[in-house]
C-alpha atoms as a PDB file:
ATOM      1  CA  UNK A   1      86.976  85.802 100.398  1.00  0.00           C
ATOM      2  CA  UNK A   2      89.449  88.537  98.893  1.00  0.00           C
ATOM      3  CA  UNK A   3      87.678  91.312  97.012  1.00  0.00           C
ATOM      4  CA  UNK A   4      88.588  92.848  93.736  1.00  0.00           C
ATOM      5  CA  UNK A   5      88.683  96.627  93.116  1.00  0.00           C
ATOM      6  CA  UNK A   6      89.048  97.446  89.352  1.00  0.00           C
ATOM      7  CA  UNK A   7      91.095 100.531  88.569  1.00  0.00           C
ATOM      8  CA  UNK A   8      89.704 102.030  85.299  1.00  0.00           C
ATOM      9  CA  UNK A   9      92.263 104.863  84.973  1.00  0.00           C
ATOM     10  CA  UNK A  10      93.884 103.631  81.880  1.00  0.00           C
ATOM     11  CA  UNK A  11      90.618 103.205  80.080  1.00  0.00           C
ATOM     12  CA  UNK A  12      90.556 107.136  80.281  1.00  0.00           C
ATOM     13  CA  UNK A  13      94.292 107.155  79.383  1.00  0.00           C
ATOM     14  CA  UNK A  14      93.431 105.477  76.022  1.00  0.00           C
ATOM     15  CA  UNK A  15      90.749 108.028  75.405  1.00  0.00           C
ATOM     16  CA  UNK A  16      92.799 110.943  76.243  1.00  0.00           C
ATOM     17  CA  UNK A  17      95.047 109.939  73.228  1.00  0.00           C
ATOM     18  CA  UNK A  18      92.497 111.597  71.143  1.00  0.00           C
ATOM     19  CA  UNK A  19      89.810 113.075  73.069  1.00  0.00           C
ATOM     20  CA  UNK A  20      89.769 115.280  76.394  1.00  0.00           C
ATOM     21  CA  UNK A  21      86.492 114.128  77.824  1.00  0.00           C
ATOM     22  CA  UNK A  22      83.618 112.122  76.851  1.00  0.00           C
ATOM     23  CA  UNK A  23      81.645 115.371  76.029  1.00  0.00           C
ATOM     24  CA  UNK A  24      84.156 116.619  73.447  1.00  0.00           C
ATOM     25  CA  UNK A  25      82.699 114.433  70.628  1.00  0.00           C
ATOM     26  CA  UNK A  26      80.153 111.593  70.116  1.00  0.00           C
ATOM     27  CA  UNK A  27      83.048 109.505  68.912  1.00  0.00           C
ATOM     28  CA  UNK A  28      85.103 109.711  72.285  1.00  0.00           C
ATOM     29  CA  UNK A  29      86.024 106.345  73.374  1.00  0.00           C
ATOM     30  CA  UNK A  30      86.616 104.031  75.199  1.00  0.00           C
ATOM     31  CA  UNK A  31      84.322 105.004  78.144  1.00  0.00           C
ATOM     32  CA  UNK A  32      85.312 104.702  81.720  1.00  0.00           C
ATOM     33  CA  UNK A  33      81.602 104.101  82.637  1.00  0.00           C
ATOM     34  CA  UNK A  34      81.172 101.360  80.254  1.00  0.00           C
ATOM     35  CA  UNK A  35      84.395  99.811  81.653  1.00  0.00           C
ATOM     36  CA  UNK A  36      82.798 100.192  85.233  1.00  0.00           C
ATOM     37  CA  UNK A  37      79.653  98.535  84.208  1.00  0.00           C
ATOM     38  CA  UNK A  38      81.626  95.608  82.352  1.00  0.00           C
ATOM     39  CA  UNK A  39      83.728  95.345  85.670  1.00  0.00           C
ATOM     40  CA  UNK A  40      80.451  94.945  87.620  1.00  0.00           C
ATOM     41  CA  UNK A  41      79.250  92.224  85.006  1.00  0.00           C
ATOM     42  CA  UNK A  42      82.624  90.376  85.386  1.00  0.00           C
ATOM     43  CA  UNK A  43      82.350  90.297  89.384  1.00  0.00           C
ATOM     44  CA  UNK A  44      84.145  93.161  90.594  1.00  0.00           C
ATOM     45  CA  UNK A  45      83.437  94.375  94.179  1.00  0.00           C
ATOM     46  CA  UNK A  46      84.499  98.072  93.713  1.00  0.00           C
ATOM     47  CA  UNK A  47      85.690 100.514  91.237  1.00  0.00           C
ATOM     48  CA  UNK A  48      88.711 102.711  91.717  1.00  0.00           C
ATOM     49  CA  UNK A  49      89.499 105.891  89.723  1.00  0.00           C
ATOM     50  CA  UNK A  50      92.012 108.608  90.099  1.00  0.00           C
ATOM     51  CA  UNK A  51      91.173 112.240  89.337  1.00  0.00           C
ATOM     52  CA  UNK A  52      94.756 113.742  89.095  1.00  0.00           C
ATOM     53  CA  UNK A  53      95.476 117.379  89.589  1.00  0.00           C
ATOM     54  CA  UNK A  54      96.661 117.407  85.735  1.00  0.00           C
ATOM     55  CA  UNK A  55      93.625 115.454  84.578  1.00  0.00           C
ATOM     56  CA  UNK A  56      95.909 113.206  82.448  1.00  0.00           C
ATOM     57  CA  UNK A  57      93.137 110.555  82.296  1.00  0.00           C
ATOM     58  CA  UNK A  58      90.081 110.473  84.536  1.00  0.00           C
ATOM     59  CA  UNK A  59      88.209 113.725  84.583  1.00  0.00           C
ATOM     60  CA  UNK A  60      85.501 114.831  87.004  1.00  0.00           C
ATOM     61  CA  UNK A  61      82.688 114.053  84.539  1.00  0.00           C
ATOM     62  CA  UNK A  62      83.851 110.359  84.375  1.00  0.00           C
ATOM     63  CA  UNK A  63      83.768 110.181  88.128  1.00  0.00           C
ATOM     64  CA  UNK A  64      80.340 111.713  88.352  1.00  0.00           C
ATOM     65  CA  UNK A  65      79.011 109.227  85.647  1.00  0.00           C
ATOM     66  CA  UNK A  66      80.506 106.157  87.443  1.00  0.00           C
ATOM     67  CA  UNK A  67      79.116 107.359  90.780  1.00  0.00           C
ATOM     68  CA  UNK A  68      75.762 107.916  89.438  1.00  0.00           C
ATOM     69  CA  UNK A  69      75.338 104.967  87.038  1.00  0.00           C
ATOM     70  CA  UNK A  70      77.552 102.187  88.195  1.00  0.00           C
ATOM     71  CA  UNK A  71      76.117 100.178  91.317  1.00  0.00           C
ATOM     72  CA  UNK A  72      79.438  99.189  92.879  1.00  0.00           C
ATOM     73  CA  UNK A  73      81.153 101.118  95.789  1.00  0.00           C
ATOM     74  CA  UNK A  74      83.560 103.785  94.333  1.00  0.00           C
ATOM     75  CA  UNK A  75      87.065 104.364  95.730  1.00  0.00           C
ATOM     76  CA  UNK A  76      88.275 107.747  94.743  1.00  0.00           C
ATOM     77  CA  UNK A  77      92.198 108.053  94.478  1.00  0.00           C
ATOM     78  CA  UNK A  78      93.492 111.565  95.048  1.00  0.00           C
ATOM     79  CA  UNK A  79      96.195 113.904  96.222  1.00  0.00           C
ATOM     80  CA  UNK A  80      95.854 115.854  99.250  1.00  0.00           C
ATOM     81  CA  UNK A  81      94.932 119.177  97.729  1.00  0.00           C
ATOM     82  CA  UNK A  82      91.932 121.502  98.369  1.00  0.00           C
ATOM     83  CA  UNK A  83      90.689 121.176  94.816  1.00  0.00           C
ATOM     84  CA  UNK A  84      90.475 117.606  95.124  1.00  0.00           C
ATOM     85  CA  UNK A  85      88.964 117.569  98.574  1.00  0.00           C
ATOM     86  CA  UNK A  86      86.204 119.770  97.319  1.00  0.00           C
ATOM     87  CA  UNK A  87      85.699 117.296  94.518  1.00  0.00           C
ATOM     88  CA  UNK A  88      85.508 114.307  96.934  1.00  0.00           C
ATOM     89  CA  UNK A  89      83.008 116.289  99.098  1.00  0.00           C
ATOM     90  CA  UNK A  90      80.777 116.851  96.202  1.00  0.00           C
ATOM     91  CA  UNK A  91      81.125 113.371  94.838  1.00  0.00           C
ATOM     92  CA  UNK A  92      80.843 111.549  98.160  1.00  0.00           C
ATOM     93  CA  UNK A  93      82.477 108.254  96.971  1.00  0.00           C
ATOM     94  CA  UNK A  94      82.227 105.331  99.402  1.00  0.00           C
ATOM     95  CA  UNK A  95      86.049 105.650  99.989  1.00  0.00           C
ATOM     96  CA  UNK A  96      88.880 107.956  99.339  1.00  0.00           C
ATOM     97  CA  UNK A  97      92.401 106.721  99.089  1.00  0.00           C
ATOM     98  CA  UNK A  98      94.981 109.497  99.702  1.00  0.00           C
ATOM     99  CA  UNK A  99      98.136 108.859  97.322  1.00  0.00           C
ATOM    100  CA  UNK A 100     101.356 110.916  96.601  1.00  0.00           C
ATOM    101  CA  UNK A 101     101.131 112.752  93.374  1.00  0.00           C
ATOM    102  CA  UNK A 102     103.810 114.179  91.103  1.00  0.00           C
ATOM    103  CA  UNK A 103     103.407 115.535  87.443  1.00  0.00           C
ATOM    104  CA  UNK A 104     106.469 113.556  86.349  1.00  0.00           C
ATOM    105  CA  UNK A 105     105.352 109.952  87.203  1.00  0.00           C
ATOM    106  CA  UNK A 106     103.533 107.931  84.765  1.00  0.00           C
ATOM    107  CA  UNK A 107     101.478 106.260  87.398  1.00  0.00           C
ATOM    108  CA  UNK A 108     101.507 106.705  91.218  1.00  0.00           C
ATOM    109  CA  UNK A 109     105.147 105.330  92.312  1.00  0.00           C
ATOM    110  CA  UNK A 110     105.727 104.651  96.110  1.00  0.00           C
ATOM    111  CA  UNK A 111     103.454 105.192  99.073  1.00  0.00           C
ATOM    112  CA  UNK A 112     102.414 108.462 100.585  1.00  0.00           C
ATOM    113  CA  UNK A 113     104.798 109.517 103.594  1.00  0.00           C
ATOM    114  CA  UNK A 114     102.167 109.834 106.186  1.00  0.00           C
ATOM    115  CA  UNK A 115     104.663 110.426 108.984  1.00  0.00           C
ATOM    116  CA  UNK A 116     106.164 113.424 107.256  1.00  0.00           C
ATOM    117  CA  UNK A 117     102.783 114.739 106.240  1.00  0.00           C
ATOM    118  CA  UNK A 118     100.873 114.149 109.480  1.00  0.00           C
ATOM    119  CA  UNK A 119      99.955 117.669 110.061  1.00  0.00           C
ATOM    120  CA  UNK A 120      98.703 118.184 106.515  1.00  0.00           C
ATOM    121  CA  UNK A 121      96.719 115.007 106.429  1.00  0.00           C
ATOM    122  CA  UNK A 122      94.782 115.424 109.829  1.00  0.00           C
ATOM    123  CA  UNK A 123      92.204 118.160 108.652  1.00  0.00           C
ATOM    124  CA  UNK A 124      91.852 116.311 105.173  1.00  0.00           C
ATOM    125  CA  UNK A 125      90.868 112.770 107.112  1.00  0.00           C
ATOM    126  CA  UNK A 126      88.533 115.110 109.449  1.00  0.00           C
ATOM    127  CA  UNK A 127      86.783 116.686 106.484  1.00  0.00           C
ATOM    128  CA  UNK A 128      86.165 113.469 104.535  1.00  0.00           C
ATOM    129  CA  UNK A 129      85.198 111.427 107.414  1.00  0.00           C
ATOM    130  CA  UNK A 130      82.937 114.154 108.743  1.00  0.00           C
ATOM    131  CA  UNK A 131      81.179 113.838 105.258  1.00  0.00           C
ATOM    132  CA  UNK A 132      80.597 110.035 105.880  1.00  0.00           C
ATOM    133  CA  UNK A 133      83.549 109.064 103.558  1.00  0.00           C
ATOM    134  CA  UNK A 134      85.939 106.313 104.723  1.00  0.00           C
ATOM    135  CA  UNK A 135      89.678 107.121 104.221  1.00  0.00           C
ATOM    136  CA  UNK A 136      92.440 104.872 103.088  1.00  0.00           C
ATOM    137  CA  UNK A 137      95.967 105.746 102.966  1.00  0.00           C
ATOM    138  CA  UNK A 138      98.299 104.444 100.303  1.00  0.00           C
ATOM    139  CA  UNK A 139     101.448 103.471 101.960  1.00  0.00           C
ATOM    140  CA  UNK A 140     104.675 101.666 101.727  1.00  0.00           C
ATOM    141  CA  UNK A 141     104.829  98.334 103.999  1.00  0.00           C
ATOM    142  CA  UNK A 142     106.912 100.228 106.662  1.00  0.00           C
ATOM    143  CA  UNK A 143     105.982  99.834 110.328  1.00  0.00           C
ATOM    144  CA  UNK A 144     106.082 103.554 111.122  1.00  0.00           C
ATOM    145  CA  UNK A 145     103.962 104.291 108.257  1.00  0.00           C
ATOM    146  CA  UNK A 146     101.397 101.762 109.234  1.00  0.00           C
ATOM    147  CA  UNK A 147     101.257 102.993 113.000  1.00  0.00           C
ATOM    148  CA  UNK A 148     100.913 106.668 111.706  1.00  0.00           C
ATOM    149  CA  UNK A 149      98.000 105.652 109.553  1.00  0.00           C
ATOM    150  CA  UNK A 150      96.219 104.244 112.627  1.00  0.00           C
ATOM    151  CA  UNK A 151      97.180 107.212 114.806  1.00  0.00           C
ATOM    152  CA  UNK A 152      95.580 109.609 112.155  1.00  0.00           C
ATOM    153  CA  UNK A 153      92.369 107.547 112.377  1.00  0.00           C
ATOM    154  CA  UNK A 154      92.208 106.118 108.965  1.00  0.00           C
ATOM    155  CA  UNK A 155      89.721 103.342 108.347  1.00  0.00           C
ATOM    156  CA  UNK A 156      92.041 101.264 106.010  1.00  0.00           C
ATOM    157  CA  UNK A 157      95.353 101.204 104.320  1.00  0.00           C
ATOM    158  CA  UNK A 158      96.460 100.347 100.973  1.00  0.00           C
ATOM    159  CA  UNK A 159      99.789  98.566 100.915  1.00  0.00           C
ATOM    160  CA  UNK A 160     101.971  99.716  97.990  1.00  0.00           C
ATOM    161  CA  UNK A 161     102.956  96.490  96.091  1.00  0.00           C
ATOM    162  CA  UNK A 162     105.115  98.004  93.376  1.00  0.00           C
ATOM    163  CA  UNK A 163     108.353  96.939  94.909  1.00  0.00           C
ATOM    164  CA  UNK A 164     107.025  93.325  95.146  1.00  0.00           C
ATOM    165  CA  UNK A 165     105.892  93.485  91.516  1.00  0.00           C
ATOM    166  CA  UNK A 166     109.224  94.736  90.261  1.00  0.00           C
ATOM    167  CA  UNK A 167     111.373  92.207  92.176  1.00  0.00           C
ATOM    168  CA  UNK A 168     112.383  88.704  91.311  1.00  0.00           C
ATOM    169  CA  UNK A 169     113.460  85.764  93.307  1.00  0.00           C
ATOM    170  CA  UNK A 170     114.789  86.299  96.911  1.00  0.00           C
ATOM    171  CA  UNK A 171     114.345  90.011  96.646  1.00  0.00           C
ATOM    172  CA  UNK A 172     110.574  89.389  95.706  1.00  0.00           C
ATOM    173  CA  UNK A 173     110.217  86.910  98.708  1.00  0.00           C
ATOM    174  CA  UNK A 174     111.592  89.631 100.900  1.00  0.00           C
ATOM    175  CA  UNK A 175     109.038  92.022  99.746  1.00  0.00           C
ATOM    176  CA  UNK A 176     106.341  89.446 100.314  1.00  0.00           C
ATOM    177  CA  UNK A 177     107.650  89.152 103.896  1.00  0.00           C
ATOM    178  CA  UNK A 178     107.560  93.060 104.399  1.00  0.00           C
ATOM    179  CA  UNK A 179     103.973  93.192 103.165  1.00  0.00           C
ATOM    180  CA  UNK A 180     102.945  90.354 105.532  1.00  0.00           C
ATOM    181  CA  UNK A 181     104.445  92.005 108.685  1.00  0.00           C
ATOM    182  CA  UNK A 182     102.912  95.243 107.816  1.00  0.00           C
ATOM    183  CA  UNK A 183      99.447  93.501 107.255  1.00  0.00           C
ATOM    184  CA  UNK A 184      99.768  91.789 110.487  1.00  0.00           C
ATOM    185  CA  UNK A 185     100.612  95.146 112.318  1.00  0.00           C
ATOM    186  CA  UNK A 186      97.776  96.971 110.626  1.00  0.00           C
ATOM    187  CA  UNK A 187      95.452  94.272 111.433  1.00  0.00           C
ATOM    188  CA  UNK A 188      96.400  94.287 115.096  1.00  0.00           C
ATOM    189  CA  UNK A 189      95.728  98.026 115.033  1.00  0.00           C
ATOM    190  CA  UNK A 190      92.087  97.656 113.674  1.00  0.00           C
ATOM    191  CA  UNK A 191      93.005  98.686 110.187  1.00  0.00           C
ATOM    192  CA  UNK A 192      91.332  97.151 106.925  1.00  0.00           C
ATOM    193  CA  UNK A 193      94.202  96.046 104.850  1.00  0.00           C
ATOM    194  CA  UNK A 194      94.132  96.593 101.082  1.00  0.00           C
ATOM    195  CA  UNK A 195      96.937  96.376  98.494  1.00  0.00           C
ATOM    196  CA  UNK A 196      97.733  97.376  95.009  1.00  0.00           C
ATOM    197  CA  UNK A 197     100.068  98.451  92.311  1.00  0.00           C
ATOM    198  CA  UNK A 198     101.671  96.294  89.852  1.00  0.00           C
ATOM    199  CA  UNK A 199      99.651  93.136  90.571  1.00  0.00           C
ATOM    200  CA  UNK A 200      98.916  90.891  87.645  1.00  0.00           C
ATOM    201  CA  UNK A 201      97.576  87.380  86.613  1.00  0.00           C
ATOM    202  CA  UNK A 202     101.142  85.936  86.923  1.00  0.00           C
ATOM    203  CA  UNK A 203     102.348  87.253  90.402  1.00  0.00           C
ATOM    204  CA  UNK A 204      99.085  87.547  92.222  1.00  0.00           C
ATOM    205  CA  UNK A 205      99.026  84.285  93.979  1.00  0.00           C
ATOM    206  CA  UNK A 206     102.566  85.079  95.348  1.00  0.00           C
ATOM    207  CA  UNK A 207     100.594  87.574  97.644  1.00  0.00           C
ATOM    208  CA  UNK A 208      98.367  85.004  99.138  1.00  0.00           C
ATOM    209  CA  UNK A 209     100.767  84.326 101.927  1.00  0.00           C
ATOM    210  CA  UNK A 210     100.242  87.866 102.971  1.00  0.00           C
ATOM    211  CA  UNK A 211      97.504  87.464 105.661  1.00  0.00           C
ATOM    212  CA  UNK A 212      94.526  89.702 106.589  1.00  0.00           C
ATOM    213  CA  UNK A 213      93.973  91.223 103.060  1.00  0.00           C
ATOM    214  CA  UNK A 214      90.644  92.558 102.357  1.00  0.00           C
ATOM    215  CA  UNK A 215      90.793  93.951  98.875  1.00  0.00           C
ATOM    216  CA  UNK A 216      93.340  94.174  95.873  1.00  0.00           C
ATOM    217  CA  UNK A 217      92.918  97.073  93.609  1.00  0.00           C
ATOM    218  CA  UNK A 218      94.223  96.015  90.074  1.00  0.00           C
ATOM    219  CA  UNK A 219      93.899  98.062  86.948  1.00  0.00           C
ATOM    220  CA  UNK A 220      96.594  98.099  84.261  1.00  0.00           C
ATOM    221  CA  UNK A 221      96.955  94.228  84.158  1.00  0.00           C
ATOM    222  CA  UNK A 222      93.080  93.808  83.652  1.00  0.00           C
ATOM    223  CA  UNK A 223      92.678  96.467  80.979  1.00  0.00           C
ATOM    224  CA  UNK A 224      95.725  95.121  79.024  1.00  0.00           C
ATOM    225  CA  UNK A 225      94.077  91.639  79.350  1.00  0.00           C
ATOM    226  CA  UNK A 226      90.922  93.070  78.110  1.00  0.00           C
ATOM    227  CA  UNK A 227      92.291  94.139  74.856  1.00  0.00           C
ATOM    228  CA  UNK A 228      92.481  90.359  74.038  1.00  0.00           C
ATOM    229  CA  UNK A 229      89.408  88.913  75.707  1.00  0.00           C
ATOM    230  CA  UNK A 230      87.206  92.155  76.579  1.00  0.00           C
ATOM    231  CA  UNK A 231      86.666  93.661  79.864  1.00  0.00           C
ATOM    232  CA  UNK A 232      84.061  91.281  81.339  1.00  0.00           C
ATOM    233  CA  UNK A 233      86.196  88.303  80.841  1.00  0.00           C
ATOM    234  CA  UNK A 234      89.279  89.829  82.001  1.00  0.00           C
ATOM    235  CA  UNK A 235      87.618  90.767  85.234  1.00  0.00           C
ATOM    236  CA  UNK A 236      86.000  87.228  85.532  1.00  0.00           C
ATOM    237  CA  UNK A 237      89.455  85.667  85.225  1.00  0.00           C
ATOM    238  CA  UNK A 238      91.198  87.769  88.008  1.00  0.00           C
ATOM    239  CA  UNK A 239      88.055  87.426  90.255  1.00  0.00           C
ATOM    240  CA  UNK A 240      88.349  83.717  89.816  1.00  0.00           C
ATOM    241  CA  UNK A 241      92.076  83.816  90.843  1.00  0.00           C
ATOM    242  CA  UNK A 242      91.214  85.775  93.945  1.00  0.00           C
ATOM    243  CA  UNK A 243      88.966  82.797  95.190  1.00  0.00           C
ATOM    244  CA  UNK A 244      92.139  81.008  96.005  1.00  0.00           C
ATOM    245  CA  UNK A 245      93.162  83.375  98.716  1.00  0.00           C
ATOM    246  CA  UNK A 246      93.159  81.603 102.064  1.00  0.00           C
ATOM    247  CA  UNK A 247      90.874  82.890 104.837  1.00  0.00           C
ATOM    248  CA  UNK A 248      92.909  84.715 107.448  1.00  0.00           C
END
């Protein structure tokens, strides 16, 4: 069965509109930890959060609280910086997903160019994996990127689905084909195949022709839906959709 990872970053984004951290005020809300626990109740298989260099949403204190109090595997998204590596080694999440990060973007846009950054990534993977943390690389569905992820020794890749999500008609069909070919290649190289970015309740079934998917990481759409039906129900609804994914 296709697994559901729930990204709770934008719960923290809403809180940051008024409060810097949960420690600033007894009135600080909403709580990323509560969202994680609600995701667990709704059937989520893991929690994803991204401690960014500029701390625009999730803070270290959020990550620690979720790690300690939510009984779901934790996937920490992070840029390849020494500061974040140190946080990961202290937090010891189940997984780290290395992503590109710039201060100008609203959210992560595009995959990490692991071919260009091969030499910078090698010691990071060694440190994280040496601490027992599995590593995923967030990459575009491009064969050279998939092959380099395997060469670097990552256990998994997360295919960037943003281009798919922003396309329509024949262009979207072409993006699905690109994702399918990248997934087939990654699977043949022994990589676990995850995917994420821009997936919502309407477009998700169009990804069901992509074989070998293990987990989809979805955040914004679920959180947006939760404003109408609550977090538990929003996660339940997405989890139900994933049950229709055919076995690879």
